[in-house]
Amino acid sequence: CTSGFQCDSTRCIPVDWRCDGHVDCADETDEMDCGDCTSTPVHNSGKNKSLIFREVVPRPAIHCGMRKCISPIHVCDGVVDCPWGQDERNC
């Protein structure tokens, strides 16, 4: 798997699917070890160049998809903050 992320010992997924808050691998490795949530990269692509801005997220924080992190106080608070609503499931 040279151009993506290796999971399920045989499956290769696009790198953009890693740590996006949606489990794509049967072994869930695409959503494990997603790093520190102290900042969230936000990509703004323009003419032949990509700028990266960082938004500071208070610690501790959790990944909730689309490279977004939220504070634990926003989990199960009745407001959907994550792209797929993971923060309001199983409350």
N, C-alpha and C. Protein backbone atom coordinates (compact mmCIF):
# COMPACT_ATOMS: atom_id res chain seq x y z
N CYS A 1 0.86 -1.18 0.00
CA CYS A 1 0.00 0.00 0.00
C CYS A 1 0.90 1.24 0.00
N THR A 2 1.40 1.58 -1.14
CA THR A 2 2.36 2.68 -1.21
C THR A 2 1.71 4.06 -1.28
N SER A 3 0.48 4.13 -1.76
CA SER A 3 -0.15 5.44 -1.92
C SER A 3 -1.31 5.69 -0.97
N GLY A 4 -1.47 4.83 0.03
CA GLY A 4 -2.59 5.00 0.95
C GLY A 4 -2.26 4.53 2.35
N PHE A 5 -3.27 4.09 3.09
CA PHE A 5 -3.11 3.58 4.45
C PHE A 5 -3.49 2.11 4.46
N GLN A 6 -2.58 1.27 4.97
CA GLN A 6 -2.80 -0.18 5.03
C GLN A 6 -3.64 -0.54 6.25
N CYS A 7 -4.73 -1.25 6.01
CA CYS A 7 -5.54 -1.73 7.13
C CYS A 7 -6.09 -3.11 6.81
N ASP A 8 -6.64 -3.77 7.79
CA ASP A 8 -7.24 -5.10 7.63
C ASP A 8 -6.24 -6.10 7.05
N SER A 9 -4.98 -5.83 7.13
CA SER A 9 -3.87 -6.65 6.64
C SER A 9 -3.89 -6.87 5.13
N THR A 10 -4.98 -6.54 4.45
CA THR A 10 -5.02 -6.69 2.99
C THR A 10 -5.62 -5.47 2.30
N ARG A 11 -6.30 -4.62 3.03
CA ARG A 11 -7.00 -3.50 2.42
C ARG A 11 -6.17 -2.22 2.49
N CYS A 12 -6.22 -1.45 1.42
CA CYS A 12 -5.54 -0.17 1.35
C CYS A 12 -6.60 0.91 1.09
N ILE A 13 -6.64 1.93 1.94
CA ILE A 13 -7.62 3.00 1.79
C ILE A 13 -6.89 4.31 1.48
N PRO A 14 -7.57 5.30 0.89
CA PRO A 14 -6.93 6.59 0.65
C PRO A 14 -6.49 7.24 1.95
N VAL A 15 -5.38 7.93 1.92
CA VAL A 15 -4.84 8.59 3.11
C VAL A 15 -5.85 9.56 3.70
N ASP A 16 -6.65 10.22 2.88
CA ASP A 16 -7.64 11.18 3.36
C ASP A 16 -8.70 10.54 4.25
N TRP A 17 -8.86 9.23 4.16
CA TRP A 17 -9.85 8.54 4.98
C TRP A 17 -9.33 8.27 6.39
N ARG A 18 -8.03 8.41 6.62
CA ARG A 18 -7.44 8.15 7.93
C ARG A 18 -7.78 9.29 8.87
N CYS A 19 -8.25 8.94 10.07
CA CYS A 19 -8.59 9.92 11.11
C CYS A 19 -9.63 10.93 10.64
N ASP A 20 -10.60 10.46 9.86
CA ASP A 20 -11.67 11.36 9.41
C ASP A 20 -12.94 11.21 10.23
N GLY A 21 -12.89 10.36 11.27
CA GLY A 21 -14.05 10.16 12.14
C GLY A 21 -15.00 9.09 11.65
N HIS A 22 -14.70 8.46 10.55
CA HIS A 22 -15.53 7.40 9.99
C HIS A 22 -14.68 6.14 9.87
N VAL A 23 -15.11 5.04 10.50
CA VAL A 23 -14.36 3.79 10.46
C VAL A 23 -14.50 3.16 9.08
N ASP A 24 -13.38 3.00 8.40
CA ASP A 24 -13.35 2.39 7.07
C ASP A 24 -12.69 1.02 7.10
N CYS A 25 -11.90 0.73 8.12
CA CYS A 25 -11.19 -0.55 8.23
C CYS A 25 -11.90 -1.45 9.24
N ALA A 26 -12.01 -2.72 8.93
CA ALA A 26 -12.66 -3.66 9.84
C ALA A 26 -11.96 -3.70 11.20
N ASP A 27 -10.65 -3.49 11.21
CA ASP A 27 -9.91 -3.51 12.47
C ASP A 27 -9.86 -2.13 13.13
N GLU A 28 -10.51 -1.14 12.54
CA GLU A 28 -10.62 0.23 13.05
C GLU A 28 -9.29 0.97 13.17
N THR A 29 -8.24 0.46 12.54
CA THR A 29 -6.93 1.10 12.65
C THR A 29 -6.88 2.47 11.98
N ASP A 30 -7.81 2.74 11.06
CA ASP A 30 -7.81 4.05 10.40
C ASP A 30 -8.25 5.17 11.34
N GLU A 31 -8.84 4.82 12.48
CA GLU A 31 -9.28 5.83 13.45
C GLU A 31 -8.51 5.73 14.77
N MET A 32 -7.42 4.96 14.79
CA MET A 32 -6.59 4.83 15.99
C MET A 32 -5.33 5.68 15.84
N ASP A 33 -4.79 6.10 16.98
CA ASP A 33 -3.54 6.86 17.01
C ASP A 33 -3.59 8.06 16.07
N CYS A 34 -4.62 8.84 16.20
CA CYS A 34 -4.81 9.99 15.31
C CYS A 34 -4.05 11.22 15.77
N GLY A 35 -3.27 11.09 16.78
CA GLY A 35 -2.43 12.19 17.19
C GLY A 35 -3.08 13.11 18.21
N ASP A 36 -2.40 14.18 18.46
CA ASP A 36 -2.79 15.16 19.46
C ASP A 36 -3.85 16.10 18.89
N CYS A 37 -4.81 16.41 19.69
CA CYS A 37 -5.89 17.32 19.26
C CYS A 37 -5.64 18.74 19.72
N THR A 38 -4.40 19.14 19.88
CA THR A 38 -4.15 20.50 20.33
C THR A 38 -4.41 21.52 19.24
N SER A 39 -4.38 21.07 17.99
CA SER A 39 -4.72 21.97 16.89
C SER A 39 -5.31 21.15 15.76
N THR A 40 -6.11 21.80 14.95
CA THR A 40 -6.79 21.14 13.85
C THR A 40 -6.34 21.75 12.53
N PRO A 41 -5.76 20.94 11.64
CA PRO A 41 -5.39 21.51 10.35
C PRO A 41 -6.61 21.79 9.49
N VAL A 42 -6.64 22.95 8.89
CA VAL A 42 -7.72 23.31 7.98
C VAL A 42 -7.06 23.68 6.66
N HIS A 43 -7.44 22.99 5.60
CA HIS A 43 -6.81 23.22 4.31
C HIS A 43 -7.64 24.18 3.47
N ASN A 44 -6.98 25.15 2.88
CA ASN A 44 -7.63 26.09 1.99
C ASN A 44 -6.84 26.07 0.69
N SER A 45 -7.31 25.32 -0.29
CA SER A 45 -6.58 25.19 -1.55
C SER A 45 -6.91 26.32 -2.50
N GLY A 46 -5.89 26.89 -3.05
CA GLY A 46 -6.04 27.95 -4.04
C GLY A 46 -5.24 27.57 -5.28
N LYS A 47 -4.95 28.53 -6.11
CA LYS A 47 -4.20 28.28 -7.34
C LYS A 47 -2.87 27.59 -7.06
N ASN A 48 -2.77 26.34 -7.36
CA ASN A 48 -1.54 25.56 -7.26
C ASN A 48 -0.85 25.61 -5.90
N LYS A 49 -1.51 26.07 -4.87
CA LYS A 49 -0.89 26.03 -3.55
C LYS A 49 -1.94 25.79 -2.49
N SER A 50 -1.51 25.24 -1.39
CA SER A 50 -2.42 24.93 -0.30
C SER A 50 -1.91 25.60 0.97
N LEU A 51 -2.76 26.37 1.60
CA LEU A 51 -2.41 27.03 2.85
C LEU A 51 -2.99 26.25 4.00
N ILE A 52 -2.26 26.16 5.08
CA ILE A 52 -2.75 25.44 6.25
C ILE A 52 -2.86 26.41 7.41
N PHE A 53 -4.03 26.47 8.00
CA PHE A 53 -4.28 27.30 9.16
C PHE A 53 -4.53 26.39 10.35
N ARG A 54 -4.22 26.83 11.53
CA ARG A 54 -4.43 26.00 12.71
C ARG A 54 -5.38 26.69 13.68
N GLU A 55 -6.32 25.91 14.17
CA GLU A 55 -7.29 26.39 15.15
C GLU A 55 -6.95 25.70 16.47
N VAL A 56 -6.74 26.46 17.52
CA VAL A 56 -6.38 25.87 18.81
C VAL A 56 -7.62 25.30 19.48
N VAL A 57 -7.51 24.06 19.93
CA VAL A 57 -8.60 23.38 20.62
C VAL A 57 -8.13 23.09 22.04
N PRO A 58 -8.89 23.50 23.07
CA PRO A 58 -8.46 23.25 24.45
C PRO A 58 -8.27 21.76 24.73
N ARG A 59 -7.30 21.45 25.59
CA ARG A 59 -7.04 20.06 25.98
C ARG A 59 -7.90 19.69 27.15
N PRO A 60 -8.27 18.46 27.38
CA PRO A 60 -8.16 17.37 26.41
C PRO A 60 -9.22 17.54 25.34
N ALA A 61 -9.03 16.94 24.20
CA ALA A 61 -9.99 17.03 23.10
C ALA A 61 -10.08 15.68 22.41
N ILE A 62 -11.12 15.51 21.61
CA ILE A 62 -11.30 14.25 20.90
C ILE A 62 -11.45 14.51 19.40
N HIS A 63 -10.97 13.54 18.60
CA HIS A 63 -11.15 13.61 17.15
C HIS A 63 -12.60 13.28 16.83
N CYS A 64 -13.19 14.01 15.93
CA CYS A 64 -14.57 13.67 15.56
C CYS A 64 -14.79 13.69 14.06
N GLY A 65 -13.75 13.63 13.30
CA GLY A 65 -13.89 13.51 11.86
C GLY A 65 -13.53 14.76 11.10
N MET A 66 -13.26 14.58 9.83
CA MET A 66 -12.88 15.67 8.94
C MET A 66 -11.73 16.46 9.54
N ARG A 67 -10.85 15.75 10.23
CA ARG A 67 -9.69 16.36 10.89
C ARG A 67 -10.11 17.41 11.92
N LYS A 68 -11.27 17.22 12.52
CA LYS A 68 -11.81 18.18 13.49
C LYS A 68 -11.71 17.60 14.89
N CYS A 69 -11.36 18.44 15.84
CA CYS A 69 -11.31 18.05 17.24
C CYS A 69 -12.28 18.92 18.03
N ILE A 70 -12.89 18.32 19.04
CA ILE A 70 -13.79 19.08 19.92
C ILE A 70 -13.44 18.79 21.37
N SER A 71 -13.84 19.68 22.23
CA SER A 71 -13.65 19.50 23.67
C SER A 71 -14.64 18.45 24.18
N PRO A 72 -14.24 17.64 25.16
CA PRO A 72 -15.15 16.63 25.72
C PRO A 72 -16.45 17.20 26.27
N ILE A 73 -16.49 18.49 26.63
CA ILE A 73 -17.73 19.06 27.16
C ILE A 73 -18.82 19.13 26.09
N HIS A 74 -18.42 19.00 24.82
CA HIS A 74 -19.39 19.03 23.73
C HIS A 74 -19.93 17.65 23.37
N VAL A 75 -19.44 16.61 24.05
CA VAL A 75 -19.93 15.25 23.81
C VAL A 75 -21.20 15.05 24.63
N CYS A 76 -22.24 14.55 23.99
CA CYS A 76 -23.53 14.28 24.63
C CYS A 76 -24.15 15.53 25.27
N ASP A 77 -23.99 16.67 24.61
CA ASP A 77 -24.59 17.90 25.13
C ASP A 77 -25.86 18.30 24.38
N GLY A 78 -26.32 17.42 23.48
CA GLY A 78 -27.53 17.70 22.73
C GLY A 78 -27.33 18.49 21.45
N VAL A 79 -26.08 18.86 21.17
CA VAL A 79 -25.76 19.63 19.97
C VAL A 79 -24.77 18.83 19.13
N VAL A 80 -25.09 18.61 17.86
CA VAL A 80 -24.18 17.87 16.98
C VAL A 80 -23.04 18.79 16.56
N ASP A 81 -21.82 18.43 16.97
CA ASP A 81 -20.63 19.20 16.63
C ASP A 81 -19.75 18.49 15.61
N CYS A 82 -19.85 17.17 15.53
CA CYS A 82 -19.03 16.37 14.63
C CYS A 82 -19.73 16.17 13.30
N PRO A 83 -18.96 16.02 12.22
CA PRO A 83 -19.55 15.88 10.88
C PRO A 83 -20.60 14.78 10.75
N TRP A 84 -20.42 13.66 11.42
CA TRP A 84 -21.38 12.56 11.31
C TRP A 84 -22.17 12.36 12.60
N GLY A 85 -22.10 13.33 13.51
CA GLY A 85 -22.87 13.26 14.75
C GLY A 85 -22.35 12.28 15.78
N GLN A 86 -21.07 11.88 15.65
CA GLN A 86 -20.51 10.91 16.59
C GLN A 86 -20.54 11.40 18.03
N ASP A 87 -20.48 12.69 18.22
CA ASP A 87 -20.45 13.24 19.58
C ASP A 87 -21.79 13.11 20.30
N GLU A 88 -22.86 12.77 19.58
CA GLU A 88 -24.18 12.64 20.20
C GLU A 88 -24.73 11.21 20.14
N ARG A 89 -23.90 10.26 19.73
CA ARG A 89 -24.35 8.86 19.68
C ARG A 89 -24.05 8.15 20.99
N ASN A 90 -24.87 7.17 21.31
CA ASN A 90 -24.67 6.31 22.50
C ASN A 90 -24.58 7.11 23.79
N CYS A 91 -25.36 8.14 23.92
CA CYS A 91 -25.27 8.99 25.12
C CYS A 91 -26.07 8.43 26.25
